[in-house]
């Protein structure tokens, strides 16, 4: 089935001059006419005789008289049709002559059709638009008679050809990878064995489009997930790797102290092992995916970050400390029944406090202290300080 586009182009390619009125030629007389022919065009000159006998001739230049003709219809006698066709390779004036025999009456009709296809209609990308695909699908109409196409793609930003008249067999082309942010122009010509339609160089002969730079999507935050407690003071932080990402911006914020730990550091992989964090503190973390076009926006709302708290971890307890209160017979600066102990919490593992429990027959006491002051203990009684070190960060 012929589509509407094919019909349209057939009409554009086909030219017909109005038939002349019936003309009468007496014996030995001529009828002369002319028209401007163009290159790559096929012309058909047809004479229809209604009486008598006529001869039909065609001339490229000069006096249109036989025998100096270029084309001559087949000799036919009597009132009948005569015609000839020729293919024009240049632009010039063409002359047609009819010679009358035996009081000839006739009408003359001249038709033409282009030998090369008409120029295609550029369909997509249409003019002055932005495309998001870096390998855009480029499409155009298929004029009648076209057997191949010449495709042209030019980077107007860098002033370089991408495709300078490559041959394409179908009426579309998927481009190689183009540069985000650059502007391009494209042309196309339809071709057959007679040649290609002229594309021209003016702005009306090409379409313009710009390739937008594509930044990656925002990563999915995987771990630590939101609102959990972690036991590791150097947590492993992990997120998804969106398509097109080449690096990441990582943000870690101490919400307890209101200070940044990492304020947008560049990370090459989709995970990060944190520096040592403070036990008991709460943290927020964000991440953005980046490439040469930019980074995905992270936002500042609570939906854009995940929250975790570092657990206040209890380390292995030091040995039990067994202390006896002084007896009443002992002389020192401390009375029986009263006891004071200063605990040095500076050690090699950076302890900041000590938890204790005191077990006696008279008293059970607990607390988180760096010194102990007890009173009301019996003379010569023994008690135990069960001290467990709390590792709350160096």
Protein backbone atom coordinates (compact mmCIF):
# COMPACT_ATOMS: atom_id res chain seq x y z
CA UNK A 1 0.00 0.00 0.00
CA UNK A 2 1.35 3.43 -0.94
CA UNK A 3 1.46 5.69 2.08
CA UNK A 4 0.57 9.37 2.10
CA UNK A 5 4.22 10.44 2.19
CA UNK A 6 5.04 8.46 -0.96
CA UNK A 7 2.04 9.97 -2.75
CA UNK A 8 3.09 13.45 -1.71
CA UNK A 9 6.61 13.03 -3.03
CA UNK A 10 5.37 11.52 -6.27
CA UNK A 11 3.35 14.66 -6.85
CA UNK A 12 6.37 16.81 -6.11
CA UNK A 13 8.62 14.82 -8.42
CA UNK A 14 6.24 14.80 -11.36
CA UNK A 15 5.74 17.84 -13.54
CA UNK A 16 3.26 18.09 -16.41
CA UNK A 17 2.78 21.07 -18.68
CA UNK A 18 -0.74 21.82 -19.85
CA UNK A 19 -1.55 20.18 -23.16
CA UNK A 20 -1.53 22.62 -26.02
CA UNK A 21 -4.75 23.43 -27.79
CA UNK A 22 -5.41 21.67 -31.05
CA UNK A 23 -3.00 23.11 -33.57
CA UNK A 24 -3.32 22.92 -37.37
CA UNK A 25 -0.25 22.73 -39.61
CA UNK A 26 -0.43 22.96 -43.37
CA UNK A 27 1.88 20.92 -45.49
CA UNK A 28 5.55 21.83 -44.93
CA UNK A 29 4.95 24.18 -41.99
CA UNK A 30 6.37 24.01 -38.44
CA UNK A 31 5.11 24.48 -34.90
CA UNK A 32 7.86 25.48 -32.44
CA UNK A 33 7.86 25.71 -28.61
CA UNK A 34 10.46 25.54 -25.80
CA UNK A 35 10.85 25.00 -22.04
CA UNK A 36 13.63 25.24 -19.41
CA UNK A 37 14.89 21.82 -18.49
CA UNK A 38 16.82 20.97 -15.32
CA UNK A 39 19.44 18.37 -14.59
CA UNK A 40 18.71 14.85 -13.37
CA UNK A 41 15.23 14.96 -14.83
CA UNK A 42 13.43 12.72 -17.29
CA UNK A 43 11.21 14.45 -19.89
CA UNK A 44 8.55 12.93 -22.10
CA UNK A 45 7.21 14.84 -25.13
CA UNK A 46 3.99 13.44 -26.58
CA UNK A 47 2.15 14.47 -29.69
CA UNK A 48 -1.42 13.34 -30.31
CA UNK A 49 -2.54 13.84 -33.93
CA UNK A 50 -6.21 14.07 -34.72
CA UNK A 51 -5.85 14.37 -38.50
CA UNK A 52 -3.20 14.36 -41.15
CA UNK A 53 0.41 13.41 -40.51
CA UNK A 54 2.98 15.11 -38.21
CA UNK A 55 6.65 14.59 -37.33
CA UNK A 56 7.93 15.39 -33.79
CA UNK A 57 11.48 16.62 -33.09
CA UNK A 58 13.47 17.80 -30.05
CA UNK A 59 16.42 20.22 -30.02
CA UNK A 60 18.78 21.30 -27.22
CA UNK A 61 19.73 24.62 -28.81
CA UNK A 62 19.75 26.56 -32.03
CA UNK A 63 17.13 26.89 -34.69
CA UNK A 64 14.53 24.18 -34.10
CA UNK A 65 14.48 22.81 -37.62
CA UNK A 66 15.20 19.38 -38.87
CA UNK A 67 17.50 17.70 -39.60
CA UNK A 68 19.42 19.33 -36.65
CA UNK A 69 17.47 17.48 -33.95
CA UNK A 70 18.60 15.55 -30.89
CA UNK A 71 15.46 13.52 -30.40
CA UNK A 72 12.89 12.36 -32.92
CA UNK A 73 9.76 10.39 -32.40
CA UNK A 74 9.35 7.12 -34.24
CA UNK A 75 8.08 7.70 -37.74
CA UNK A 76 4.36 7.09 -37.83
CA UNK A 77 2.03 7.91 -40.66
CA UNK A 78 -1.53 8.93 -40.36
CA UNK A 79 -3.18 10.64 -37.40
CA UNK A 80 -1.76 8.82 -34.42
CA UNK A 81 0.41 9.46 -31.31
CA UNK A 82 4.12 10.15 -31.45
CA UNK A 83 6.42 10.66 -28.43
CA UNK A 84 10.01 10.56 -27.23
CA UNK A 85 11.71 10.70 -23.82
CA UNK A 86 15.15 11.83 -22.70
CA UNK A 87 17.14 12.29 -19.50
CA UNK A 88 18.52 15.74 -18.84
CA UNK A 89 22.00 16.08 -17.33
CA UNK A 90 22.21 19.88 -17.38
CA UNK A 91 20.08 22.97 -17.13
CA UNK A 92 19.25 24.73 -20.40
CA UNK A 93 16.47 25.61 -22.82
CA UNK A 94 14.96 22.77 -24.80
CA UNK A 95 13.10 23.22 -28.10
CA UNK A 96 10.35 21.09 -29.52
CA UNK A 97 9.27 21.21 -33.18
CA UNK A 98 6.36 19.65 -35.00
CA UNK A 99 6.52 19.37 -38.80
CA UNK A 100 3.29 19.14 -40.67
CA UNK A 101 2.52 16.68 -43.42
CA UNK A 102 -0.76 16.48 -45.12
CA UNK A 103 -2.52 19.24 -43.20
CA UNK A 104 -1.78 17.96 -39.64
CA UNK A 105 -3.92 18.69 -36.57
CA UNK A 106 -2.45 17.83 -33.15
CA UNK A 107 -2.09 18.52 -29.42
CA UNK A 108 1.28 18.53 -27.62
CA UNK A 109 1.95 17.48 -23.98
CA UNK A 110 5.30 17.64 -22.09
CA UNK A 111 5.83 15.86 -18.75
CA UNK A 112 8.87 15.50 -16.48
CA UNK A 113 9.96 13.55 -13.41
CA UNK A 114 13.08 13.90 -11.28
CA UNK A 115 15.61 11.14 -11.67
CA UNK A 116 17.10 11.76 -8.21
CA UNK A 117 14.86 11.50 -5.12
CA UNK A 118 13.50 14.56 -3.43
CA UNK A 119 15.08 15.81 -0.20
CA UNK A 120 13.85 13.80 2.84
CA UNK A 121 11.85 15.42 5.62
CA UNK A 122 13.84 15.45 8.87
CA UNK A 123 11.59 13.87 11.52
CA UNK A 124 13.53 13.40 14.78
CA UNK A 125 15.26 14.84 16.65
CA UNK A 126 13.23 17.84 15.53
CA UNK A 127 14.78 21.28 15.38
CA UNK A 128 16.03 23.08 18.50
CA UNK A 129 15.27 20.42 21.11
CA UNK A 130 17.24 18.78 23.90
CA UNK A 131 17.71 15.01 23.97
CA UNK A 132 18.65 12.94 27.01
CA UNK A 133 19.99 9.92 25.08
CA UNK A 134 23.70 10.17 24.28
CA UNK A 135 23.14 7.75 21.35
CA UNK A 136 20.05 9.38 19.79
CA UNK A 137 17.87 7.64 17.19
CA UNK A 138 17.76 9.92 14.12
CA UNK A 139 14.86 9.48 11.71
CA UNK A 140 13.69 10.95 8.38
CA UNK A 141 11.12 10.31 5.61
CA UNK A 142 11.75 7.96 2.67
CA UNK A 143 11.17 9.85 -0.64
CA UNK A 144 10.00 7.91 -3.67
CA UNK A 145 12.90 6.48 -5.65
CA UNK A 146 15.43 6.62 -2.82
CA UNK A 147 17.66 3.55 -2.48
CA UNK A 148 20.12 4.93 0.09
CA UNK A 149 20.94 8.07 2.05
CA UNK A 150 23.88 10.33 2.86
CA UNK A 151 23.90 11.28 6.54
CA UNK A 152 25.71 14.27 8.03
CA UNK A 153 26.19 15.00 11.76
CA UNK A 154 28.20 17.98 12.95
CA UNK A 155 29.28 18.99 16.48
CA UNK A 156 28.67 22.75 16.53
CA UNK A 157 30.21 23.06 20.01
CA UNK A 158 33.61 21.62 19.04
CA UNK A 159 33.36 22.60 15.33
CA UNK A 160 33.99 19.03 14.14
CA UNK A 161 32.23 16.51 11.91
CA UNK A 162 30.90 13.38 13.59
CA UNK A 163 29.60 11.89 10.31
CA UNK A 164 30.45 13.67 7.06
CA UNK A 165 28.17 12.07 4.49
CA UNK A 166 28.23 8.43 5.51
CA UNK A 167 26.03 6.06 3.45
CA UNK A 168 22.98 4.70 5.29
CA UNK A 169 20.73 2.04 3.77
CA UNK A 170 17.56 2.80 5.76
CA UNK A 171 15.71 6.01 6.61
CA UNK A 172 17.08 6.21 10.16
CA UNK A 173 20.36 6.04 12.02
CA UNK A 174 21.41 5.43 15.63
CA UNK A 175 24.28 7.75 16.43
CA UNK A 176 27.50 6.77 18.11
CA UNK A 177 27.93 8.12 21.66
CA UNK A 178 27.73 11.91 21.71
CA UNK A 179 28.98 14.36 24.32
CA UNK A 180 26.57 15.61 26.98
CA UNK A 181 26.12 19.37 26.87
CA UNK A 182 27.21 19.71 23.20
CA UNK A 183 25.03 20.99 20.35
CA UNK A 184 24.73 19.11 17.05
CA UNK A 185 23.37 19.74 13.52
CA UNK A 186 22.20 17.01 11.18
CA UNK A 187 21.40 16.77 7.46
CA UNK A 188 20.33 13.93 5.20
CA UNK A 189 20.16 13.44 1.41
CA UNK A 190 18.22 10.77 -0.50
CA UNK A 191 20.13 8.95 -3.23
CA UNK A 192 19.71 6.52 -6.12
CA UNK A 193 21.70 5.56 -9.21
CA UNK A 194 21.22 9.05 -10.67
CA UNK A 195 22.65 10.87 -7.66
CA UNK A 196 21.62 12.44 -4.34
CA UNK A 197 19.24 15.25 -3.51
CA UNK A 198 21.15 18.47 -2.70
CA UNK A 199 21.15 19.15 1.04
CA UNK A 200 22.27 22.78 1.05
CA UNK A 201 24.24 24.51 3.81
CA UNK A 202 21.80 27.07 5.21
CA UNK A 203 20.11 26.73 8.58
CA UNK A 204 16.83 25.69 6.91
CA UNK A 205 18.56 22.60 5.56
CA UNK A 206 19.56 21.05 8.90
CA UNK A 207 18.04 20.37 12.32
CA UNK A 208 19.72 21.28 15.62
CA UNK A 209 19.63 19.39 18.92
CA UNK A 210 21.56 19.48 22.21
CA UNK A 211 22.53 16.44 24.27
CA UNK A 212 21.80 17.04 27.94
CA UNK A 213 24.39 15.89 30.50
CA UNK A 214 23.07 12.94 32.48
CA UNK A 215 24.01 12.80 36.16
CA UNK A 216 23.49 9.50 38.00
CA UNK A 217 20.47 8.79 40.16
CA UNK A 218 20.74 9.13 43.94
CA UNK A 219 22.20 5.93 45.52
CA UNK A 220 20.14 3.77 47.85
CA UNK A 221 21.58 3.87 51.38
CA UNK A 222 22.05 0.22 52.44
CA UNK A 223 23.88 0.07 55.76
CA UNK A 224 23.82 1.19 58.47
CA UNK A 225 20.10 1.40 57.83
CA UNK A 226 18.01 4.13 59.40
CA UNK A 227 17.58 4.44 63.19
CA UNK A 228 19.73 1.53 64.30
CA UNK A 229 22.52 1.09 66.83
CA UNK A 230 25.92 -0.15 65.75
CA UNK A 231 28.54 -1.74 67.98
CA UNK A 232 31.53 -1.02 65.75
CA UNK A 233 33.16 2.35 66.34
CA UNK A 234 34.53 2.22 62.76
CA UNK A 235 31.35 1.17 60.94
CA UNK A 236 31.33 -0.09 57.33
CA UNK A 237 28.97 2.20 55.39
CA UNK A 238 27.49 0.84 52.15
CA UNK A 239 25.21 2.09 49.33
CA UNK A 240 24.06 1.09 45.85
CA UNK A 241 25.96 1.98 42.65
CA UNK A 242 23.63 3.81 40.19
CA UNK A 243 24.24 3.46 36.45
CA UNK A 244 26.74 6.02 35.16
CA UNK A 245 28.30 6.78 38.54
CA UNK A 246 32.10 7.12 38.53
CA UNK A 247 32.59 8.42 42.07
CA UNK A 248 30.64 9.44 45.17
CA UNK A 249 30.41 12.34 47.66
CA UNK A 250 30.11 11.05 51.23
CA UNK A 251 28.75 13.05 54.19
CA UNK A 252 28.86 12.02 57.88
CA UNK A 253 27.58 14.31 60.60
CA UNK A 254 27.76 13.96 64.42
CA UNK A 255 24.30 15.06 65.55
CA UNK A 256 25.31 14.81 69.22
CA UNK A 257 28.18 17.29 68.99
CA UNK A 258 26.77 19.21 65.98
CA UNK A 259 29.93 18.74 63.92
CA UNK A 260 30.83 17.31 60.52
CA UNK A 261 32.95 14.18 60.47
CA UNK A 262 33.09 14.04 56.64
CA UNK A 263 31.63 16.94 54.66
CA UNK A 264 31.42 15.68 51.09
CA UNK A 265 34.64 13.72 50.74
CA UNK A 266 35.19 11.96 47.38
CA UNK A 267 34.96 8.16 47.50
CA UNK A 268 35.79 5.99 44.48
CA UNK A 269 33.75 2.90 45.45
CA UNK A 270 30.20 2.41 46.73
CA UNK A 271 31.22 1.94 50.36
CA UNK A 272 33.33 3.58 53.05
CA UNK A 273 34.86 2.48 56.36
CA UNK A 274 34.52 5.31 58.82
CA UNK A 275 37.24 6.67 61.05
CA UNK A 276 36.79 5.92 64.79
CA UNK A 277 33.50 7.34 66.08
CA UNK A 278 32.45 8.17 69.65
CA UNK A 279 30.44 5.63 71.60
CA UNK A 280 27.04 6.92 72.64
CA UNK A 281 26.90 9.58 69.91
CA UNK A 282 24.31 9.72 67.10
CA UNK A 283 25.31 10.21 63.46
CA UNK A 284 23.62 11.04 60.15
CA UNK A 285 24.99 10.01 56.75
CA UNK A 286 24.28 11.01 53.13
CA UNK A 287 25.81 10.01 49.80
CA UNK A 288 25.63 11.41 46.23
CA UNK A 289 26.58 9.64 42.98
CA UNK A 290 28.75 11.64 40.55
CA UNK A 291 30.17 11.61 37.03
CA UNK A 292 31.60 14.19 34.64
CA UNK A 293 28.19 15.92 34.38
CA UNK A 294 27.80 16.46 38.13
CA UNK A 295 26.43 14.78 41.27
CA UNK A 296 22.92 13.71 42.20
CA UNK A 297 21.36 16.18 44.68
CA UNK A 298 21.29 14.74 48.20
CA UNK A 299 18.83 17.16 49.84
CA UNK A 300 18.78 18.19 53.48
CA UNK A 301 15.54 16.70 54.82
CA UNK A 302 15.38 13.69 57.10
CA UNK A 303 14.31 11.45 54.22
CA UNK A 304 17.65 12.13 52.53
CA UNK A 305 19.91 10.71 55.25
CA UNK A 306 20.11 7.66 57.51
CA UNK A 307 20.66 7.86 61.29
CA UNK A 308 22.62 5.49 63.53
CA UNK A 309 23.98 5.53 67.07
CA UNK A 310 27.29 4.07 68.16
CA UNK A 311 26.73 1.78 71.14
CA UNK A 312 28.51 2.51 74.45
CA UNK A 313 30.46 -0.74 74.51
CA UNK A 314 31.52 -2.48 77.79
CA UNK A 315 35.02 -3.89 77.59
CA UNK A 316 36.37 -6.79 79.58
CA UNK A 317 36.33 -5.94 83.28
CA UNK A 318 39.63 -5.53 85.11
CA UNK A 319 40.33 -7.92 87.97
CA UNK A 320 38.30 -7.57 91.18
CA UNK A 321 39.81 -5.24 93.73
CA UNK A 322 39.65 -6.61 97.31
CA UNK A 323 40.16 -4.03 100.02
CA UNK A 324 39.93 -4.36 103.82
CA UNK A 325 38.97 -1.49 106.03
CA UNK A 326 41.52 -0.72 108.69
CA UNK A 327 40.97 -2.27 112.11
CA UNK A 328 40.40 -0.13 115.18
CA UNK A 329 43.88 -0.97 116.41
CA UNK A 330 45.47 0.35 113.23
CA UNK A 331 46.63 3.89 113.24
CA UNK A 332 46.40 5.88 110.06
CA UNK A 333 44.64 8.90 108.73
CA UNK A 334 41.51 6.99 108.03
CA UNK A 335 39.01 5.99 110.68
CA UNK A 336 37.53 2.55 110.89
CA UNK A 337 34.25 2.34 109.07
CA UNK A 338 35.18 5.04 106.58
CA UNK A 339 36.97 4.42 103.31
CA UNK A 340 38.08 6.61 100.42
CA UNK A 341 39.62 5.32 97.18
CA UNK A 342 40.77 7.42 94.25
CA UNK A 343 40.69 5.49 90.98
CA UNK A 344 43.07 6.42 88.22
CA UNK A 345 41.20 5.98 84.93
CA UNK A 346 44.08 6.88 82.63
CA UNK A 347 45.36 3.73 81.02
CA UNK A 348 46.57 2.34 77.73
CA UNK A 349 43.15 1.74 76.25
CA UNK A 350 41.77 5.17 76.87
CA UNK A 351 39.14 4.42 79.55
CA UNK A 352 37.21 7.38 80.80
CA UNK A 353 35.15 5.88 83.60
CA UNK A 354 34.77 2.81 85.75
CA UNK A 355 31.58 1.13 86.84
CA UNK A 356 31.66 -0.41 90.27
CA UNK A 357 29.67 -2.55 92.64
CA UNK A 358 30.57 -2.84 96.33
CA UNK A 359 29.54 -6.03 98.10
CA UNK A 360 29.62 -6.18 101.91
CA UNK A 361 27.34 -7.56 104.56
CA UNK A 362 26.25 -4.02 105.28
CA UNK A 363 26.08 -2.28 101.93
CA UNK A 364 25.54 -2.81 98.25
CA UNK A 365 26.24 0.23 96.06
CA UNK A 366 26.66 0.81 92.32
CA UNK A 367 27.64 3.75 90.18
CA UNK A 368 29.76 5.21 87.43
CA UNK A 369 32.64 7.02 89.09
CA UNK A 370 36.27 7.93 89.03
CA UNK A 371 36.57 7.82 92.85
CA UNK A 372 34.84 6.08 95.73
CA UNK A 373 33.95 7.50 99.11
CA UNK A 374 32.29 4.95 101.40
CA UNK A 375 31.35 5.22 105.06
CA UNK A 376 29.60 3.11 107.68
CA UNK A 377 31.71 0.02 107.10
CA UNK A 378 32.48 -2.37 109.94
CA UNK A 379 35.89 -2.51 111.53
CA UNK A 380 38.25 -4.90 109.75
CA UNK A 381 35.55 -5.78 107.16
CA UNK A 382 36.50 -6.77 103.64
CA UNK A 383 34.61 -5.64 100.58
CA UNK A 384 34.98 -6.05 96.85
CA UNK A 385 34.99 -3.38 94.18
CA UNK A 386 33.85 -5.13 90.98
CA UNK A 387 35.08 -2.62 88.44
CA UNK A 388 34.03 -2.97 84.81
CA UNK A 389 35.66 -0.62 82.36
CA UNK A 390 33.36 1.27 80.00
CA UNK A 391 34.93 1.99 76.64
CA UNK A 392 33.27 5.21 75.59
CA UNK A 393 35.86 6.23 73.06
CA UNK A 394 39.33 7.58 73.24
